C-alpha atoms as a PDB file:
ATOM      1  CA  MET A   1     -27.671 -42.594 -10.571  1.00  0.00           C
ATOM      2  CA  ARG A   2     -30.222 -39.901  -9.889  1.00  0.00           C
ATOM      3  CA  ASN A   3     -30.831 -36.667 -11.776  1.00  0.00           C
ATOM      4  CA  THR A   4     -28.721 -37.642 -14.751  1.00  0.00           C
ATOM      5  CA  LYS A   5     -30.589 -35.045 -16.831  1.00  0.00           C
ATOM      6  CA  GLU A   6     -28.497 -32.389 -15.062  1.00  0.00           C
ATOM      7  CA  ILE A   7     -25.159 -33.816 -16.179  1.00  0.00           C
ATOM      8  CA  LYS A   8     -24.960 -32.091 -19.562  1.00  0.00           C
ATOM      9  CA  SER A   9     -25.675 -28.651 -18.087  1.00  0.00           C
ATOM     10  CA  LEU A  10     -23.158 -29.143 -15.303  1.00  0.00           C
ATOM     11  CA  LEU A  11     -20.462 -30.344 -17.697  1.00  0.00           C
ATOM     12  CA  THR A  12     -21.235 -27.455 -20.041  1.00  0.00           C
ATOM     13  CA  ALA A  13     -20.750 -24.984 -17.195  1.00  0.00           C
ATOM     14  CA  LEU A  14     -17.452 -26.593 -16.211  1.00  0.00           C
ATOM     15  CA  TYR A  15     -16.212 -26.611 -19.798  1.00  0.00           C
ATOM     16  CA  CYS A  16     -17.062 -22.928 -20.303  1.00  0.00           C
ATOM     17  CA  LEU A  17     -15.514 -21.881 -17.008  1.00  0.00           C
ATOM     18  CA  ASN A  18     -12.343 -23.771 -17.857  1.00  0.00           C
ATOM     19  CA  GLN A  19     -12.185 -22.116 -21.299  1.00  0.00           C
ATOM     20  CA  THR A  20     -12.551 -18.621 -19.860  1.00  0.00           C
ATOM     21  CA  GLY A  21     -10.127 -19.175 -16.998  1.00  0.00           C
ATOM     22  CA  HIS A  22      -6.865 -21.023 -16.791  1.00  0.00           C
ATOM     23  CA  ASN A  23      -7.787 -23.430 -19.597  1.00  0.00           C
ATOM     24  CA  ASP A  24      -6.321 -26.510 -17.959  1.00  0.00           C
ATOM     25  CA  GLN A  25      -5.595 -28.869 -20.853  1.00  0.00           C
ATOM     26  CA  ASP A  26      -6.191 -32.004 -18.760  1.00  0.00           C
ATOM     27  CA  ILE A  27      -9.660 -30.779 -17.776  1.00  0.00           C
ATOM     28  CA  THR A  28     -10.394 -29.854 -21.389  1.00  0.00           C
ATOM     29  CA  LYS A  29      -9.327 -33.291 -22.594  1.00  0.00           C
ATOM     30  CA  ILE A  30     -11.488 -35.078 -20.006  1.00  0.00           C
ATOM     31  CA  LEU A  31     -14.536 -32.928 -20.746  1.00  0.00           C
ATOM     32  CA  LYS A  32     -14.188 -33.331 -24.522  1.00  0.00           C
ATOM     33  CA  TYR A  33     -13.939 -37.092 -24.065  1.00  0.00           C
ATOM     34  CA  THR A  34     -16.989 -37.066 -21.779  1.00  0.00           C
ATOM     35  CA  PHE A  35     -19.131 -35.082 -24.233  1.00  0.00           C
ATOM     36  CA  ASN A  36     -18.099 -37.414 -27.020  1.00  0.00           C
ATOM     37  CA  ARG A  37     -18.615 -40.704 -25.160  1.00  0.00           C
ATOM     38  CA  ILE A  38     -21.722 -39.897 -23.122  1.00  0.00           C
ATOM     39  CA  PHE A  39     -23.607 -37.505 -25.409  1.00  0.00           C
ATOM     40  CA  ASN A  40     -22.090 -38.438 -28.791  1.00  0.00           C
ATOM     41  CA  CYS A  41     -21.354 -34.765 -29.499  1.00  0.00           C
ATOM     42  CA  ASN A  42     -18.355 -32.463 -29.563  1.00  0.00           C
ATOM     43  CA  THR A  43     -17.503 -29.194 -27.850  1.00  0.00           C
ATOM     44  CA  ASN A  44     -16.890 -27.045 -30.946  1.00  0.00           C
ATOM     45  CA  MET A  45     -19.911 -24.780 -30.365  1.00  0.00           C
ATOM     46  CA  LEU A  46     -19.041 -24.357 -26.700  1.00  0.00           C
ATOM     47  CA  THR A  47     -15.513 -23.379 -27.657  1.00  0.00           C
ATOM     48  CA  LEU A  48     -16.854 -20.739 -30.073  1.00  0.00           C
ATOM     49  CA  ILE A  49     -19.255 -19.377 -27.455  1.00  0.00           C
ATOM     50  CA  CYS A  50     -16.395 -18.955 -24.980  1.00  0.00           C
ATOM     51  CA  CYS A  51     -13.879 -17.529 -27.430  1.00  0.00           C
ATOM     52  CA  GLY A  52     -12.599 -14.127 -26.313  1.00  0.00           C
ATOM     53  CA  ARG A  53     -14.753 -14.022 -23.187  1.00  0.00           C
ATOM     54  CA  ASN A  54     -13.747 -14.009 -19.553  1.00  0.00           C
ATOM     55  CA  LYS A  55     -15.452 -15.520 -16.528  1.00  0.00           C
ATOM     56  CA  LYS A  56     -17.190 -12.277 -15.589  1.00  0.00           C
ATOM     57  CA  ASP A  57     -18.729 -12.034 -19.069  1.00  0.00           C
ATOM     58  CA  ILE A  58     -20.014 -15.584 -19.217  1.00  0.00           C
ATOM     59  CA  MET A  59     -21.196 -16.177 -15.634  1.00  0.00           C
ATOM     60  CA  PRO A  60     -24.709 -14.696 -16.112  1.00  0.00           C
ATOM     61  CA  GLU A  61     -25.355 -17.177 -18.933  1.00  0.00           C
ATOM     62  CA  ILE A  62     -23.916 -20.077 -16.946  1.00  0.00           C
ATOM     63  CA  ILE A  63     -26.018 -19.182 -13.912  1.00  0.00           C
ATOM     64  CA  GLN A  64     -29.129 -18.955 -16.112  1.00  0.00           C
ATOM     65  CA  LEU A  65     -28.393 -22.360 -17.668  1.00  0.00           C
ATOM     66  CA  LEU A  66     -27.885 -23.956 -14.274  1.00  0.00           C
ATOM     67  CA  LYS A  67     -30.996 -22.321 -12.800  1.00  0.00           C
ATOM     68  CA  GLU A  68     -33.099 -23.706 -15.646  1.00  0.00           C
ATOM     69  CA  ASP A  69     -31.661 -27.217 -15.724  1.00  0.00           C
ATOM     70  CA  THR A  70     -30.472 -27.936 -12.180  1.00  0.00           C
ATOM     71  CA  LYS A  71     -31.296 -27.208  -8.575  1.00  0.00           C
ATOM     72  CA  LEU A  72     -27.890 -25.648  -7.930  1.00  0.00           C
ATOM     73  CA  VAL A  73     -28.244 -22.402  -5.993  1.00  0.00           C
ATOM     74  CA  PHE A  74     -25.934 -19.414  -6.394  1.00  0.00           C
ATOM     75  CA  ASP A  75     -25.633 -16.664  -3.825  1.00  0.00           C
ATOM     76  CA  GLU A  76     -27.028 -13.439  -5.185  1.00  0.00           C
ATOM     77  CA  GLU A  77     -24.479 -10.623  -5.244  1.00  0.00           C
END
């Protein structure tokens, strides 16, 4: 598998977006399991970071994270 160093940033973005949106419990369960099994860490800090925030509030930070750690390109608004 190539570019595995990007996985944690991508999963972090997905977790945060899920927490600030519909909060699908199945997605949350899968992501928590993934963080635990692959990275041997939990999502407690991510949950605190997202607490009380909506997608609009958190997107600049997510975009910054992804720009720094991945080659994913977002359209500028």
